[in-house]
Amino acid sequence: MERSKAEILEKKLYQALNVVICESKIARTYGTEYKLTYSDICLLKCIQHNEGAKAGDLSQYLGITNGAVAQLAKKLENKSYLG
């Protein structure tokens, strides 16, 4: 059975998204002492742009749970990115 152009395009888009998702999970140094993931960078940027925000506010902004924010924050605190 021959696949339609739409099905082929859908498959290629899905494959491209998988590559992007996998790449975003790889920790990199970004010119810093410790390796950081894309999630780490997102949280740091969110904190920078929303000074004084609580974990609940950050979780809503980032679309993740309060627990995920707390876990990321603890990891960043251990790496001395948060005080």
Protein backbone atom coordinates (compact mmCIF):
# COMPACT_ATOMS: atom_id res chain seq x y z
CA MET A 1 0.00 0.00 0.00
CA GLU A 2 1.49 3.35 -1.03
CA ARG A 3 1.72 6.04 1.60
CA SER A 4 0.41 9.49 0.89
CA LYS A 5 2.62 12.57 0.83
CA ALA A 6 0.97 13.71 4.04
CA GLU A 7 1.90 10.45 5.80
CA ILE A 8 5.51 10.69 4.59
CA LEU A 9 5.71 14.33 5.72
CA GLU A 10 4.21 13.42 9.09
CA LYS A 11 6.81 10.68 9.59
CA LYS A 12 9.69 13.01 8.68
CA LEU A 13 8.37 15.70 11.02
CA TYR A 14 8.07 13.17 13.84
CA GLN A 15 11.67 12.02 13.23
CA ALA A 16 12.94 15.62 13.25
CA LEU A 17 11.11 16.36 16.52
CA ASN A 18 12.63 13.25 18.09
CA VAL A 19 16.11 14.48 17.17
CA VAL A 20 15.40 17.89 18.70
CA ILE A 21 14.03 16.33 21.89
CA CYS A 22 17.02 14.00 22.24
CA GLU A 23 19.49 16.81 21.60
CA SER A 24 17.84 19.01 24.23
CA LYS A 25 18.48 16.36 26.89
CA ILE A 26 22.24 16.29 26.31
CA ALA A 27 24.12 18.28 28.94
CA ARG A 28 26.61 20.79 27.57
CA THR A 29 29.08 23.19 29.18
CA TYR A 30 27.86 26.40 27.45
CA GLY A 31 31.20 27.94 28.46
CA THR A 32 30.47 27.20 32.11
CA GLU A 33 32.24 25.08 34.71
CA TYR A 34 29.43 22.52 34.92
CA LYS A 35 27.38 20.89 32.21
CA LEU A 36 23.82 22.17 31.89
CA THR A 37 20.80 20.75 30.11
CA TYR A 38 18.30 22.77 28.13
CA SER A 39 15.90 22.45 31.08
CA ASP A 40 18.54 23.93 33.38
CA ILE A 41 19.03 26.89 31.04
CA CYS A 42 15.25 27.42 30.75
CA LEU A 43 14.85 27.52 34.53
CA LEU A 44 17.79 29.90 34.96
CA LYS A 45 16.35 32.24 32.31
CA CYS A 46 12.90 32.04 33.90
CA ILE A 47 14.33 32.92 37.32
CA GLN A 48 16.32 35.78 35.82
CA HIS A 49 13.26 37.27 34.12
CA ASN A 50 10.91 36.66 37.07
CA GLU A 51 12.92 37.61 40.14
CA GLY A 52 11.10 36.84 43.35
CA ALA A 53 8.74 34.35 41.71
CA LYS A 54 7.78 31.27 43.70
CA ALA A 55 8.18 27.70 42.46
CA GLY A 56 4.49 27.54 41.57
CA ASP A 57 4.78 30.61 39.37
CA LEU A 58 7.87 29.21 37.63
CA SER A 59 6.22 25.83 37.11
CA GLN A 60 3.21 27.45 35.43
CA TYR A 61 5.43 29.57 33.21
CA LEU A 62 7.57 26.58 32.18
CA GLY A 63 4.70 24.10 31.96
CA ILE A 64 6.24 21.64 34.43
CA THR A 65 5.30 20.49 37.93
CA ASN A 66 6.37 22.19 41.17
CA GLY A 67 8.35 19.04 41.95
CA ALA A 68 10.25 19.32 38.67
CA VAL A 69 11.09 22.96 39.43
CA ALA A 70 12.28 21.99 42.91
CA GLN A 71 14.40 19.14 41.52
CA LEU A 72 16.01 21.36 38.87
CA ALA A 73 16.56 24.15 41.39
CA LYS A 74 18.26 21.74 43.82
CA LYS A 75 20.54 20.49 41.04
CA LEU A 76 21.43 24.07 40.06
CA GLU A 77 21.98 24.99 43.70
CA ASN A 78 24.41 22.07 44.09
CA LYS A 79 26.32 23.42 41.08
CA SER A 80 26.35 26.91 42.70
CA TYR A 81 24.16 28.51 40.03
CA LEU A 82 21.51 29.35 42.62
CA GLY A 83 22.19 30.63 46.11
